[in-house]
Amino acid sequence: MLGRREQRLQPRRNTMIVATVVFDNGRTRLDCVIRNLSEGGAKLEFATVRGIPQAFDLLVPGHRPQHCRVAWRALKELGVQFTPSA
């Protein structure tokens, strides 16, 4: 992430929350770890980000599904913005 300009509007707090990304009309589920979190977005860590689409739902146990849009990608991380469900 060296050289990436900071564009966050809200501060994030470091976390280690296990979550699941769901896409392809619920047919595909991938486990991830939420590494940091704010009211408007998060950084998610995966084994690989290959095949993950630009928009998906994020499931956190005990919370409602959150629709996300990818803001940036790295080898094993995604930065996402929370968006209203379609």
PDB file of N, CA and C in Angstrom:
ATOM      1  N   MET A   1       0.823  -1.184   0.000  1.00  0.00           N
ATOM      2  CA  MET A   1       0.000   0.000   0.000  1.00  0.00           C
ATOM      3  C   MET A   1       0.866   1.247   0.000  1.00  0.00           C
ATOM      4  N   LEU A   2       2.121   1.071  -0.170  1.00  0.00           N
ATOM      5  CA  LEU A   2       3.032   2.190  -0.234  1.00  0.00           C
ATOM      6  C   LEU A   2       2.667   3.079  -1.407  1.00  0.00           C
ATOM      7  N   GLY A   3       2.585   4.363  -1.180  1.00  0.00           N
ATOM      8  CA  GLY A   3       2.275   5.298  -2.244  1.00  0.00           C
ATOM      9  C   GLY A   3       0.792   5.531  -2.452  1.00  0.00           C
ATOM     10  N   ARG A   4      -0.063   4.770  -1.797  1.00  0.00           N
ATOM     11  CA  ARG A   4      -1.499   4.963  -1.949  1.00  0.00           C
ATOM     12  C   ARG A   4      -1.915   6.183  -1.127  1.00  0.00           C
ATOM     13  N   ARG A   5      -2.635   7.100  -1.743  1.00  0.00           N
ATOM     14  CA  ARG A   5      -3.078   8.299  -1.050  1.00  0.00           C
ATOM     15  C   ARG A   5      -4.255   7.979  -0.142  1.00  0.00           C
ATOM     16  N   GLU A   6      -4.205   8.444   1.061  1.00  0.00           N
ATOM     17  CA  GLU A   6      -5.263   8.221   2.038  1.00  0.00           C
ATOM     18  C   GLU A   6      -6.520   8.959   1.617  1.00  0.00           C
ATOM     19  N   GLN A   7      -7.645   8.233   1.489  1.00  0.00           N
ATOM     20  CA  GLN A   7      -8.898   8.849   1.057  1.00  0.00           C
ATOM     21  C   GLN A   7     -10.039   8.556   2.018  1.00  0.00           C
ATOM     22  N   ARG A   8      -9.758   8.039   3.178  1.00  0.00           N
ATOM     23  CA  ARG A   8     -10.813   7.712   4.131  1.00  0.00           C
ATOM     24  C   ARG A   8     -11.464   8.974   4.669  1.00  0.00           C
ATOM     25  N   LEU A   9     -12.769   8.902   4.826  1.00  0.00           N
ATOM     26  CA  LEU A   9     -13.511  10.014   5.409  1.00  0.00           C
ATOM     27  C   LEU A   9     -13.722   9.813   6.905  1.00  0.00           C
ATOM     28  N   GLN A  10     -13.626   8.566   7.364  1.00  0.00           N
ATOM     29  CA  GLN A  10     -13.866   8.249   8.762  1.00  0.00           C
ATOM     30  C   GLN A  10     -12.703   7.425   9.305  1.00  0.00           C
ATOM     31  N   PRO A  11     -12.359   7.614  10.571  1.00  0.00           N
ATOM     32  CA  PRO A  11     -11.270   6.817  11.147  1.00  0.00           C
ATOM     33  C   PRO A  11     -11.676   5.348  11.265  1.00  0.00           C
ATOM     34  N   ARG A  12     -10.691   4.471  11.143  1.00  0.00           N
ATOM     35  CA  ARG A  12     -10.943   3.038  11.271  1.00  0.00           C
ATOM     36  C   ARG A  12     -10.281   2.519  12.535  1.00  0.00           C
ATOM     37  N   ARG A  13     -10.869   1.460  13.070  1.00  0.00           N
ATOM     38  CA  ARG A  13     -10.263   0.817  14.232  1.00  0.00           C
ATOM     39  C   ARG A  13      -9.795  -0.576  13.830  1.00  0.00           C
ATOM     40  N   ASN A  14      -8.657  -0.983  14.347  1.00  0.00           N
ATOM     41  CA  ASN A  14      -8.114  -2.307  14.053  1.00  0.00           C
ATOM     42  C   ASN A  14      -8.993  -3.383  14.665  1.00  0.00           C
ATOM     43  N   THR A  15      -9.209  -4.462  13.911  1.00  0.00           N
ATOM     44  CA  THR A  15     -10.050  -5.568  14.363  1.00  0.00           C
ATOM     45  C   THR A  15      -9.446  -6.888  13.903  1.00  0.00           C
ATOM     46  N   MET A  16     -10.003  -7.966  14.383  1.00  0.00           N
ATOM     47  CA  MET A  16      -9.697  -9.332  13.925  1.00  0.00           C
ATOM     48  C   MET A  16     -11.015 -10.104  13.946  1.00  0.00           C
ATOM     49  N   ILE A  17     -11.965  -9.689  13.123  1.00  0.00           N
ATOM     50  CA  ILE A  17     -13.301 -10.275  13.103  1.00  0.00           C
ATOM     51  C   ILE A  17     -13.408 -11.251  11.936  1.00  0.00           C
ATOM     52  N   VAL A  18     -13.777 -12.489  12.228  1.00  0.00           N
ATOM     53  CA  VAL A  18     -13.989 -13.483  11.175  1.00  0.00           C
ATOM     54  C   VAL A  18     -15.341 -13.214  10.529  1.00  0.00           C
ATOM     55  N   ALA A  19     -15.361 -13.186   9.193  1.00  0.00           N
ATOM     56  CA  ALA A  19     -16.586 -12.889   8.454  1.00  0.00           C
ATOM     57  C   ALA A  19     -16.622 -13.745   7.187  1.00  0.00           C
ATOM     58  N   THR A  20     -17.717 -13.614   6.443  1.00  0.00           N
ATOM     59  CA  THR A  20     -17.893 -14.350   5.193  1.00  0.00           C
ATOM     60  C   THR A  20     -18.366 -13.400   4.116  1.00  0.00           C
ATOM     61  N   VAL A  21     -17.770 -13.503   2.943  1.00  0.00           N
ATOM     62  CA  VAL A  21     -18.186 -12.747   1.767  1.00  0.00           C
ATOM     63  C   VAL A  21     -19.070 -13.672   0.932  1.00  0.00           C
ATOM     64  N   VAL A  22     -20.221 -13.145   0.486  1.00  0.00           N
ATOM     65  CA  VAL A  22     -21.175 -13.940  -0.285  1.00  0.00           C
ATOM     66  C   VAL A  22     -21.464 -13.232  -1.598  1.00  0.00           C
ATOM     67  N   PHE A  23     -21.404 -13.989  -2.712  1.00  0.00           N
ATOM     68  CA  PHE A  23     -21.738 -13.432  -4.029  1.00  0.00           C
ATOM     69  C   PHE A  23     -22.245 -14.548  -4.928  1.00  0.00           C
ATOM     70  N   ASP A  24     -22.504 -14.233  -6.176  1.00  0.00           N
ATOM     71  CA  ASP A  24     -23.028 -15.205  -7.139  1.00  0.00           C
ATOM     72  C   ASP A  24     -24.383 -15.729  -6.667  1.00  0.00           C
ATOM     73  N   ASN A  25     -25.263 -14.791  -6.293  1.00  0.00           N
ATOM     74  CA  ASN A  25     -26.610 -15.122  -5.804  1.00  0.00           C
ATOM     75  C   ASN A  25     -26.584 -16.109  -4.643  1.00  0.00           C
ATOM     76  N   GLY A  26     -25.603 -15.956  -3.767  1.00  0.00           N
ATOM     77  CA  GLY A  26     -25.505 -16.790  -2.576  1.00  0.00           C
ATOM     78  C   GLY A  26     -24.816 -18.125  -2.786  1.00  0.00           C
ATOM     79  N   ARG A  27     -24.413 -18.426  -4.018  1.00  0.00           N
ATOM     80  CA  ARG A  27     -23.787 -19.722  -4.307  1.00  0.00           C
ATOM     81  C   ARG A  27     -22.313 -19.777  -3.904  1.00  0.00           C
ATOM     82  N   THR A  28     -21.661 -18.623  -3.805  1.00  0.00           N
ATOM     83  CA  THR A  28     -20.238 -18.604  -3.460  1.00  0.00           C
ATOM     84  C   THR A  28     -20.036 -17.884  -2.135  1.00  0.00           C
ATOM     85  N   ARG A  29     -19.304 -18.542  -1.234  1.00  0.00           N
ATOM     86  CA  ARG A  29     -18.994 -17.990   0.087  1.00  0.00           C
ATOM     87  C   ARG A  29     -17.502 -18.137   0.330  1.00  0.00           C
ATOM     88  N   LEU A  30     -16.883 -17.053   0.777  1.00  0.00           N
ATOM     89  CA  LEU A  30     -15.455 -17.073   1.091  1.00  0.00           C
ATOM     90  C   LEU A  30     -15.240 -16.489   2.479  1.00  0.00           C
ATOM     91  N   ASP A  31     -14.461 -17.174   3.284  1.00  0.00           N
ATOM     92  CA  ASP A  31     -14.128 -16.661   4.609  1.00  0.00           C
ATOM     93  C   ASP A  31     -13.087 -15.560   4.491  1.00  0.00           C
ATOM     94  N   CYS A  32     -13.164 -14.601   5.397  1.00  0.00           N
ATOM     95  CA  CYS A  32     -12.192 -13.512   5.442  1.00  0.00           C
ATOM     96  C   CYS A  32     -12.043 -13.043   6.881  1.00  0.00           C
ATOM     97  N   VAL A  33     -11.097 -12.144   7.080  1.00  0.00           N
ATOM     98  CA  VAL A  33     -10.911 -11.494   8.375  1.00  0.00           C
ATOM     99  C   VAL A  33     -11.027  -9.997   8.147  1.00  0.00           C
ATOM    100  N   ILE A  34     -11.869  -9.345   8.933  1.00  0.00           N
ATOM    101  CA  ILE A  34     -11.973  -7.885   8.881  1.00  0.00           C
ATOM    102  C   ILE A  34     -10.810  -7.346   9.705  1.00  0.00           C
ATOM    103  N   ARG A  35      -9.856  -6.688   9.035  1.00  0.00           N
ATOM    104  CA  ARG A  35      -8.646  -6.210   9.698  1.00  0.00           C
ATOM    105  C   ARG A  35      -8.803  -4.811  10.272  1.00  0.00           C
ATOM    106  N   ASN A  36      -9.601  -3.973   9.625  1.00  0.00           N
ATOM    107  CA  ASN A  36      -9.970  -2.693  10.231  1.00  0.00           C
ATOM    108  C   ASN A  36     -11.341  -2.304   9.738  1.00  0.00           C
ATOM    109  N   LEU A  37     -11.984  -1.408  10.488  1.00  0.00           N
ATOM    110  CA  LEU A  37     -13.405  -1.155  10.294  1.00  0.00           C
ATOM    111  C   LEU A  37     -13.737   0.279  10.648  1.00  0.00           C
ATOM    112  N   SER A  38     -14.607   0.882   9.842  1.00  0.00           N
ATOM    113  CA  SER A  38     -15.167   2.194  10.158  1.00  0.00           C
ATOM    114  C   SER A  38     -16.651   2.139   9.856  1.00  0.00           C
ATOM    115  N   GLU A  39     -17.329   3.228  10.085  1.00  0.00           N
ATOM    116  CA  GLU A  39     -18.755   3.284   9.789  1.00  0.00           C
ATOM    117  C   GLU A  39     -19.017   3.120   8.294  1.00  0.00           C
ATOM    118  N   GLY A  40     -18.081   3.555   7.462  1.00  0.00           N
ATOM    119  CA  GLY A  40     -18.309   3.538   6.021  1.00  0.00           C
ATOM    120  C   GLY A  40     -17.588   2.472   5.233  1.00  0.00           C
ATOM    121  N   GLY A  41     -16.705   1.684   5.878  1.00  0.00           N
ATOM    122  CA  GLY A  41     -15.970   0.690   5.107  1.00  0.00           C
ATOM    123  C   GLY A  41     -15.065  -0.165   5.966  1.00  0.00           C
ATOM    124  N   ALA A  42     -14.271  -1.002   5.279  1.00  0.00           N
ATOM    125  CA  ALA A  42     -13.412  -1.942   5.995  1.00  0.00           C
ATOM    126  C   ALA A  42     -12.272  -2.409   5.105  1.00  0.00           C
ATOM    127  N   LYS A  43     -11.268  -2.996   5.749  1.00  0.00           N
ATOM    128  CA  LYS A  43     -10.213  -3.714   5.035  1.00  0.00           C
ATOM    129  C   LYS A  43     -10.399  -5.187   5.355  1.00  0.00           C
ATOM    130  N   LEU A  44     -10.531  -6.000   4.301  1.00  0.00           N
ATOM    131  CA  LEU A  44     -10.761  -7.431   4.446  1.00  0.00           C
ATOM    132  C   LEU A  44      -9.528  -8.191   3.985  1.00  0.00           C
ATOM    133  N   GLU A  45      -9.188  -9.258   4.702  1.00  0.00           N
ATOM    134  CA  GLU A  45      -8.036 -10.092   4.348  1.00  0.00           C
ATOM    135  C   GLU A  45      -8.522 -11.490   3.961  1.00  0.00           C
ATOM    136  N   PHE A  46      -7.978 -12.015   2.851  1.00  0.00           N
ATOM    137  CA  PHE A  46      -8.360 -13.318   2.300  1.00  0.00           C
ATOM    138  C   PHE A  46      -7.114 -14.154   2.049  1.00  0.00           C
ATOM    139  N   ALA A  47      -7.305 -15.435   1.752  1.00  0.00           N
ATOM    140  CA  ALA A  47      -6.205 -16.262   1.259  1.00  0.00           C
ATOM    141  C   ALA A  47      -5.769 -15.742  -0.110  1.00  0.00           C
ATOM    142  N   THR A  48      -6.732 -15.350  -0.939  1.00  0.00           N
ATOM    143  CA  THR A  48      -6.498 -14.696  -2.227  1.00  0.00           C
ATOM    144  C   THR A  48      -7.754 -13.914  -2.586  1.00  0.00           C
ATOM    145  N   VAL A  49      -7.599 -12.838  -3.334  1.00  0.00           N
ATOM    146  CA  VAL A  49      -8.770 -12.060  -3.754  1.00  0.00           C
ATOM    147  C   VAL A  49      -9.203 -12.431  -5.172  1.00  0.00           C
ATOM    148  N   ARG A  50      -8.515 -13.393  -5.777  1.00  0.00           N
ATOM    149  CA  ARG A  50      -8.852 -13.813  -7.137  1.00  0.00           C
ATOM    150  C   ARG A  50     -10.306 -14.286  -7.202  1.00  0.00           C
ATOM    151  N   GLY A  51     -11.040 -13.775  -8.176  1.00  0.00           N
ATOM    152  CA  GLY A  51     -12.413 -14.197  -8.395  1.00  0.00           C
ATOM    153  C   GLY A  51     -13.456 -13.451  -7.585  1.00  0.00           C
ATOM    154  N   ILE A  52     -13.037 -12.570  -6.705  1.00  0.00           N
ATOM    155  CA  ILE A  52     -14.011 -11.812  -5.910  1.00  0.00           C
ATOM    156  C   ILE A  52     -14.504 -10.640  -6.750  1.00  0.00           C
ATOM    157  N   PRO A  53     -15.829 -10.497  -6.914  1.00  0.00           N
ATOM    158  CA  PRO A  53     -16.369  -9.432  -7.764  1.00  0.00           C
ATOM    159  C   PRO A  53     -16.274  -8.053  -7.114  1.00  0.00           C
ATOM    160  N   GLN A  54     -16.654  -7.034  -7.859  1.00  0.00           N
ATOM    161  CA  GLN A  54     -16.608  -5.645  -7.386  1.00  0.00           C
ATOM    162  C   GLN A  54     -17.655  -5.345  -6.318  1.00  0.00           C
ATOM    163  N   ALA A  55     -18.706  -6.157  -6.234  1.00  0.00           N
ATOM    164  CA  ALA A  55     -19.759  -5.942  -5.232  1.00  0.00           C
ATOM    165  C   ALA A  55     -20.169  -7.293  -4.652  1.00  0.00           C
ATOM    166  N   PHE A  56     -20.454  -7.308  -3.355  1.00  0.00           N
ATOM    167  CA  PHE A  56     -20.828  -8.545  -2.666  1.00  0.00           C
ATOM    168  C   PHE A  56     -21.434  -8.186  -1.321  1.00  0.00           C
ATOM    169  N   ASP A  57     -21.934  -9.206  -0.612  1.00  0.00           N
ATOM    170  CA  ASP A  57     -22.440  -9.024   0.741  1.00  0.00           C
ATOM    171  C   ASP A  57     -21.418  -9.555   1.740  1.00  0.00           C
ATOM    172  N   LEU A  58     -21.277  -8.842   2.845  1.00  0.00           N
ATOM    173  CA  LEU A  58     -20.384  -9.228   3.930  1.00  0.00           C
ATOM    174  C   LEU A  58     -21.244  -9.692   5.100  1.00  0.00           C
ATOM    175  N   LEU A  59     -21.009 -10.933   5.549  1.00  0.00           N
ATOM    176  CA  LEU A  59     -21.763 -11.495   6.665  1.00  0.00           C
ATOM    177  C   LEU A  59     -20.871 -11.585   7.892  1.00  0.00           C
ATOM    178  N   VAL A  60     -21.324 -10.939   8.957  1.00  0.00           N
ATOM    179  CA  VAL A  60     -20.634 -10.984  10.245  1.00  0.00           C
ATOM    180  C   VAL A  60     -21.607 -11.625  11.229  1.00  0.00           C
ATOM    181  N   PRO A  61     -21.206 -12.693  11.917  1.00  0.00           N
ATOM    182  CA  PRO A  61     -22.118 -13.344  12.856  1.00  0.00           C
ATOM    183  C   PRO A  61     -22.738 -12.341  13.835  1.00  0.00           C
ATOM    184  N   GLY A  62     -24.058 -12.446  13.983  1.00  0.00           N
ATOM    185  CA  GLY A  62     -24.774 -11.574  14.903  1.00  0.00           C
ATOM    186  C   GLY A  62     -25.172 -10.227  14.331  1.00  0.00           C
ATOM    187  N   HIS A  63     -24.875  -9.972  13.037  1.00  0.00           N
ATOM    188  CA  HIS A  63     -25.199  -8.700  12.397  1.00  0.00           C
ATOM    189  C   HIS A  63     -25.936  -8.943  11.086  1.00  0.00           C
ATOM    190  N   ARG A  64     -26.619  -7.918  10.615  1.00  0.00           N
ATOM    191  CA  ARG A  64     -27.290  -8.003   9.314  1.00  0.00           C
ATOM    192  C   ARG A  64     -26.246  -8.010   8.206  1.00  0.00           C
ATOM    193  N   PRO A  65     -26.560  -8.641   7.064  1.00  0.00           N
ATOM    194  CA  PRO A  65     -25.638  -8.593   5.919  1.00  0.00           C
ATOM    195  C   PRO A  65     -25.383  -7.146   5.496  1.00  0.00           C
ATOM    196  N   GLN A  66     -24.163  -6.857   5.093  1.00  0.00           N
ATOM    197  CA  GLN A  66     -23.778  -5.515   4.653  1.00  0.00           C
ATOM    198  C   GLN A  66     -23.311  -5.594   3.208  1.00  0.00           C
ATOM    199  N   HIS A  67     -23.960  -4.830   2.329  1.00  0.00           N
ATOM    200  CA  HIS A  67     -23.537  -4.802   0.926  1.00  0.00           C
ATOM    201  C   HIS A  67     -22.264  -3.960   0.820  1.00  0.00           C
ATOM    202  N   CYS A  68     -21.303  -4.426   0.010  1.00  0.00           N
ATOM    203  CA  CYS A  68     -20.005  -3.765  -0.127  1.00  0.00           C
ATOM    204  C   CYS A  68     -19.641  -3.565  -1.589  1.00  0.00           C
ATOM    205  N   ARG A  69     -18.863  -2.519  -1.828  1.00  0.00           N
ATOM    206  CA  ARG A  69     -18.275  -2.259  -3.144  1.00  0.00           C
ATOM    207  C   ARG A  69     -16.768  -2.138  -2.938  1.00  0.00           C
ATOM    208  N   VAL A  70     -15.996  -2.783  -3.817  1.00  0.00           N
ATOM    209  CA  VAL A  70     -14.539  -2.767  -3.694  1.00  0.00           C
ATOM    210  C   VAL A  70     -13.997  -1.393  -4.077  1.00  0.00           C
ATOM    211  N   ALA A  71     -13.198  -0.802  -3.192  1.00  0.00           N
ATOM    212  CA  ALA A  71     -12.550   0.488  -3.449  1.00  0.00           C
ATOM    213  C   ALA A  71     -11.121   0.291  -3.946  1.00  0.00           C
ATOM    214  N   TRP A  72     -10.437  -0.747  -3.437  1.00  0.00           N
ATOM    215  CA  TRP A  72      -9.076  -1.067  -3.886  1.00  0.00           C
ATOM    216  C   TRP A  72      -8.801  -2.544  -3.645  1.00  0.00           C
ATOM    217  N   ARG A  73      -7.808  -3.061  -4.369  1.00  0.00           N
ATOM    218  CA  ARG A  73      -7.417  -4.471  -4.274  1.00  0.00           C
ATOM    219  C   ARG A  73      -5.910  -4.585  -4.099  1.00  0.00           C
ATOM    220  N   ALA A  74      -5.508  -5.572  -3.334  1.00  0.00           N
ATOM    221  CA  ALA A  74      -4.109  -5.981  -3.220  1.00  0.00           C
ATOM    222  C   ALA A  74      -4.101  -7.508  -3.330  1.00  0.00           C
ATOM    223  N   LEU A  75      -2.946  -8.116  -3.209  1.00  0.00           N
ATOM    224  CA  LEU A  75      -2.820  -9.558  -3.408  1.00  0.00           C
ATOM    225  C   LEU A  75      -3.771 -10.369  -2.522  1.00  0.00           C
ATOM    226  N   LYS A  76      -3.853 -10.013  -1.239  1.00  0.00           N
ATOM    227  CA  LYS A  76      -4.685 -10.764  -0.296  1.00  0.00           C
ATOM    228  C   LYS A  76      -5.643  -9.879   0.489  1.00  0.00           C
ATOM    229  N   GLU A  77      -5.814  -8.633   0.058  1.00  0.00           N
ATOM    230  CA  GLU A  77      -6.671  -7.697   0.790  1.00  0.00           C
ATOM    231  C   GLU A  77      -7.575  -6.931  -0.160  1.00  0.00           C
ATOM    232  N   LEU A  78      -8.726  -6.553   0.372  1.00  0.00           N
ATOM    233  CA  LEU A  78      -9.644  -5.650  -0.317  1.00  0.00           C
ATOM    234  C   LEU A  78      -9.992  -4.517   0.625  1.00  0.00           C
ATOM    235  N   GLY A  79     -10.056  -3.305   0.091  1.00  0.00           N
ATOM    236  CA  GLY A  79     -10.651  -2.192   0.804  1.00  0.00           C
ATOM    237  C   GLY A  79     -12.056  -2.038   0.257  1.00  0.00           C
ATOM    238  N   VAL A  80     -13.046  -1.993   1.134  1.00  0.00           N
ATOM    239  CA  VAL A  80     -14.436  -1.910   0.676  1.00  0.00           C
ATOM    240  C   VAL A  80     -15.152  -0.720   1.292  1.00  0.00           C
ATOM    241  N   GLN A  81     -16.127  -0.239   0.548  1.00  0.00           N
ATOM    242  CA  GLN A  81     -17.057   0.775   1.046  1.00  0.00           C
ATOM    243  C   GLN A  81     -18.393   0.093   1.258  1.00  0.00           C
ATOM    244  N   PHE A  82     -19.055   0.418   2.355  1.00  0.00           N
ATOM    245  CA  PHE A  82     -20.391  -0.107   2.598  1.00  0.00           C
ATOM    246  C   PHE A  82     -21.379   0.693   1.763  1.00  0.00           C
ATOM    247  N   THR A  83     -22.284  -0.014   1.099  1.00  0.00           N
ATOM    248  CA  THR A  83     -23.262   0.624   0.225  1.00  0.00           C
ATOM    249  C   THR A  83     -24.648   0.105   0.554  1.00  0.00           C
ATOM    250  N   PRO A  84     -25.687   0.855   0.171  1.00  0.00           N
ATOM    251  CA  PRO A  84     -27.051   0.351   0.381  1.00  0.00           C
ATOM    252  C   PRO A  84     -27.283  -0.902  -0.462  1.00  0.00           C
ATOM    253  N   SER A  85     -28.076  -1.818   0.042  1.00  0.00           N
ATOM    254  CA  SER A  85     -28.415  -3.016  -0.731  1.00  0.00           C
ATOM    255  C   SER A  85     -29.212  -2.623  -1.954  1.00  0.00           C
ATOM    256  N   ALA A  86     -29.006  -3.368  -3.034  1.00  0.00           N
ATOM    257  CA  ALA A  86     -29.701  -3.071  -4.298  1.00  0.00           C
ATOM    258  C   ALA A  86     -31.153  -3.451  -4.222  1.00  0.00           C
TER     259      ALA A  86
END
